[in-house]
Structures are given as structure tokens and as C-alpha cells.
Amino acid sequence: MLDGYRLLVIESAPLMAEVTAYRLQLLGYPVSVSTVSRDAWSAIEDSRPDAILLSLDADAHTAYDLMERLTSETATADVPILVMSETADLDRVERAWKQGAADYLVTPYDPLVLEQKISRLLRDRVPREQQQVEAGQPALAAAGTA
């Protein structure tokens, strides 16, 4: 696990959200969970994640819209998105890549594959909190918003 990284799981299936968050917490990551809905953007703004795990299964249209917004907003354009789906349908995978996904994970997944994909996404990134400190901005925790 790499210290300082925060993850956000956006998953509408409660069991999958709980299992995924739990697996990531076992690796030492702080994890927030949201549903694929209008509330997801609020969760992104609140948690300021270093990576997002986004499910396409419940409402792919909303998920694709969210990916488009994430990749077009300056504050989130560099946040890697790991798309999760029960299907590896070529059209769905291709659309996810075109919308800005950094990787794709078919569910149910092998926990080791999840760990490898998250490690790969975060390998060359500086945690957002550390970026803020280096830029002279107060860290979220220090500002009382964490």
C-alpha cells in the first residue's frame, strides 16, 4: 500500500460496494463509498480521492456522464478511474476507455487483481493531500474538512 492515498468507490450494489471498500481498507487505504447517482459528485468533492473505482452496472449512462465530467473538470482530470463491470463486452470496455478510464475490472474480481490494478494506478502519483501541502495550501485534514 502507498501511504496517503484516498480512494472512492462509486457502486450502486451495496454488497459489492461493501466488499470492495473492505478489501481496499485491508490494504490500508482510506475509502469512501457512494452510489452511482447525483450524490456521486458531492462525494468526489468531499473526499478528494486519488483514484476512483466506478461501477457501470446499475446505470451505465450516469456512470459515463460522470466519467466525462471527471475528465473535463480541471480539479479531477488527473484522477485515475478504474471502471468495474460484470461484463467485458467490447463496446462497453471501448466506451469506458474513450470516456477516460485508466483501467477496467470485471466483477466479481480476484482480490489480487484489484490490488495490482490500484497499485498500478497510484504508482506514479503524489497523494492529493501531499500536493496541497507542497503547493502551500492547507491539507484537508488540517482545514477540518476531512
Protein backbone atom coordinates (compact mmCIF):
# COMPACT_ATOMS: atom_id res chain seq x y z
CA MET A 1 0.00 0.00 0.00
CA LEU A 2 1.17 3.50 -0.71
CA ASP A 3 0.68 5.96 2.19
CA GLY A 4 -1.57 8.97 1.90
CA TYR A 5 -3.84 7.85 -0.93
CA ARG A 6 -7.63 8.14 -0.61
CA LEU A 7 -9.97 6.06 -2.74
CA LEU A 8 -13.62 6.49 -3.67
CA VAL A 9 -15.81 3.53 -4.63
CA ILE A 10 -18.90 4.51 -6.63
CA GLU A 11 -21.04 1.39 -6.72
CA SER A 12 -24.82 1.04 -6.60
CA ALA A 13 -24.85 -2.59 -5.44
CA PRO A 14 -24.48 -2.38 -1.63
CA LEU A 15 -22.78 -5.76 -1.24
CA MET A 16 -20.21 -5.10 -3.99
CA ALA A 17 -19.55 -1.63 -2.55
CA GLU A 18 -19.05 -3.07 0.94
CA VAL A 19 -16.78 -5.92 -0.22
CA THR A 20 -14.67 -3.64 -2.41
CA ALA A 21 -14.29 -0.99 0.30
CA TYR A 22 -13.39 -3.68 2.84
CA ARG A 23 -10.72 -5.21 0.58
CA LEU A 24 -9.17 -1.79 -0.02
CA GLN A 25 -9.28 -0.93 3.69
CA LEU A 26 -7.45 -4.18 4.43
CA LEU A 27 -4.68 -2.85 2.19
CA GLY A 28 -4.59 0.30 4.33
CA TYR A 29 -6.39 2.73 2.04
CA PRO A 30 -8.91 5.20 3.44
CA VAL A 31 -12.06 4.53 1.37
CA SER A 32 -15.27 6.46 0.84
CA VAL A 33 -18.31 4.87 -0.80
CA SER A 34 -21.05 6.47 -2.88
CA THR A 35 -23.80 5.27 -5.18
CA VAL A 36 -23.88 5.92 -8.92
CA SER A 37 -26.21 8.89 -8.71
CA ARG A 38 -26.26 12.64 -8.46
CA ASP A 39 -24.71 12.23 -4.98
CA ALA A 40 -21.52 10.85 -6.51
CA TRP A 41 -20.20 14.30 -7.45
CA SER A 42 -20.69 15.53 -3.89
CA ALA A 43 -18.75 12.51 -2.65
CA ILE A 44 -15.94 13.31 -5.08
CA GLU A 45 -15.76 16.91 -3.87
CA ASP A 46 -15.91 15.85 -0.21
CA SER A 47 -13.36 13.02 -0.34
CA ARG A 48 -10.97 14.49 -2.96
CA PRO A 49 -9.89 10.96 -3.95
CA ASP A 50 -6.59 9.97 -5.50
CA ALA A 51 -8.37 7.28 -7.54
CA ILE A 52 -11.99 6.37 -8.25
CA LEU A 53 -13.48 2.91 -8.70
CA LEU A 54 -16.64 3.39 -10.77
CA SER A 55 -19.26 0.74 -11.49
CA LEU A 56 -21.05 0.69 -14.84
CA ASP A 57 -23.59 -1.95 -13.87
CA ALA A 58 -26.58 -0.16 -12.35
CA ASP A 59 -26.77 2.93 -14.52
CA ALA A 60 -24.10 2.98 -17.21
CA HIS A 61 -25.44 6.20 -18.72
CA THR A 62 -24.97 8.09 -15.43
CA ALA A 63 -21.55 6.50 -14.94
CA TYR A 64 -20.40 7.55 -18.42
CA ASP A 65 -21.71 11.09 -17.78
CA LEU A 66 -19.79 11.15 -14.51
CA MET A 67 -16.61 9.96 -16.25
CA GLU A 68 -16.99 12.70 -18.84
CA ARG A 69 -17.36 15.31 -16.13
CA LEU A 70 -14.41 13.93 -14.16
CA THR A 71 -12.11 14.06 -17.18
CA SER A 72 -13.23 17.54 -18.23
CA GLU A 73 -13.06 19.31 -14.83
CA THR A 74 -9.64 20.74 -14.03
CA ALA A 75 -9.74 19.59 -10.40
CA THR A 76 -10.42 15.94 -11.31
CA ALA A 77 -8.99 15.48 -14.80
CA ASP A 78 -5.88 13.75 -13.45
CA VAL A 79 -7.73 11.37 -11.11
CA PRO A 80 -7.45 7.83 -12.49
CA ILE A 81 -10.72 5.93 -12.90
CA LEU A 82 -10.91 2.15 -12.53
CA VAL A 83 -14.15 1.07 -14.19
CA MET A 84 -15.84 -2.04 -12.80
CA SER A 85 -18.48 -4.09 -14.59
CA GLU A 86 -19.97 -7.57 -14.62
CA THR A 87 -19.36 -7.72 -18.36
CA ALA A 88 -16.31 -7.47 -20.54
CA ASP A 89 -18.41 -6.53 -23.57
CA LEU A 90 -16.02 -4.99 -26.10
CA ASP A 91 -18.28 -1.98 -26.82
CA ARG A 92 -18.61 -1.22 -23.11
CA VAL A 93 -14.86 -1.54 -22.50
CA GLU A 94 -14.06 0.62 -25.53
CA ARG A 95 -16.52 3.32 -24.47
CA ALA A 96 -15.04 3.33 -20.95
CA TRP A 97 -11.54 3.84 -22.37
CA LYS A 98 -12.77 6.64 -24.64
CA GLN A 99 -14.51 8.32 -21.69
CA GLY A 100 -11.23 8.37 -19.76
CA ALA A 101 -10.99 5.12 -17.81
CA ALA A 102 -7.44 4.27 -16.77
CA ASP A 103 -8.28 0.58 -16.32
CA TYR A 104 -11.17 -1.90 -16.40
CA LEU A 105 -12.02 -4.61 -13.88
CA VAL A 106 -14.55 -7.37 -14.48
CA THR A 107 -16.59 -8.28 -11.40
CA PRO A 108 -16.62 -10.46 -9.46
CA TYR A 109 -12.88 -9.99 -9.29
CA ASP A 110 -9.85 -11.68 -7.81
CA PRO A 111 -8.70 -9.54 -4.83
CA LEU A 112 -5.10 -9.78 -6.01
CA VAL A 113 -6.08 -8.34 -9.40
CA LEU A 114 -7.84 -5.44 -7.65
CA GLU A 115 -4.73 -4.80 -5.55
CA GLN A 116 -2.47 -4.87 -8.63
CA LYS A 117 -4.69 -2.51 -10.60
CA ILE A 118 -4.94 0.02 -7.74
CA SER A 119 -1.18 -0.14 -7.16
CA ARG A 120 -0.57 0.45 -10.86
CA LEU A 121 -2.97 3.43 -10.92
CA LEU A 122 -1.27 5.08 -7.96
CA ARG A 123 2.33 4.12 -8.68
CA ASP A 124 3.50 7.45 -10.12
CA ARG A 125 1.04 9.75 -8.33
CA VAL A 126 1.67 12.09 -5.43
CA PRO A 127 -1.24 11.94 -2.97
CA ARG A 128 -3.58 14.95 -3.33
CA GLU A 129 -3.08 15.91 0.32
CA GLN A 130 0.68 15.99 -0.20
CA GLN A 131 0.23 18.05 -3.38
CA GLN A 132 -1.72 20.63 -1.39
CA VAL A 133 0.95 20.84 1.31
CA GLU A 134 3.71 21.21 -1.29
CA ALA A 135 1.69 23.97 -3.00
CA GLY A 136 1.36 25.81 0.30
CA GLN A 137 -2.35 25.02 0.70
CA PRO A 138 -3.63 23.58 3.96
CA ALA A 139 -4.28 19.85 3.86
CA LEU A 140 -7.94 18.88 4.07
CA ALA A 141 -7.45 17.29 7.48
CA ALA A 142 -5.73 20.39 8.80
CA ALA A 143 -8.51 22.57 7.43
CA GLY A 144 -11.07 20.48 9.32
CA THR A 145 -12.85 19.16 6.24
CA ALA A 146 -11.61 15.61 6.22
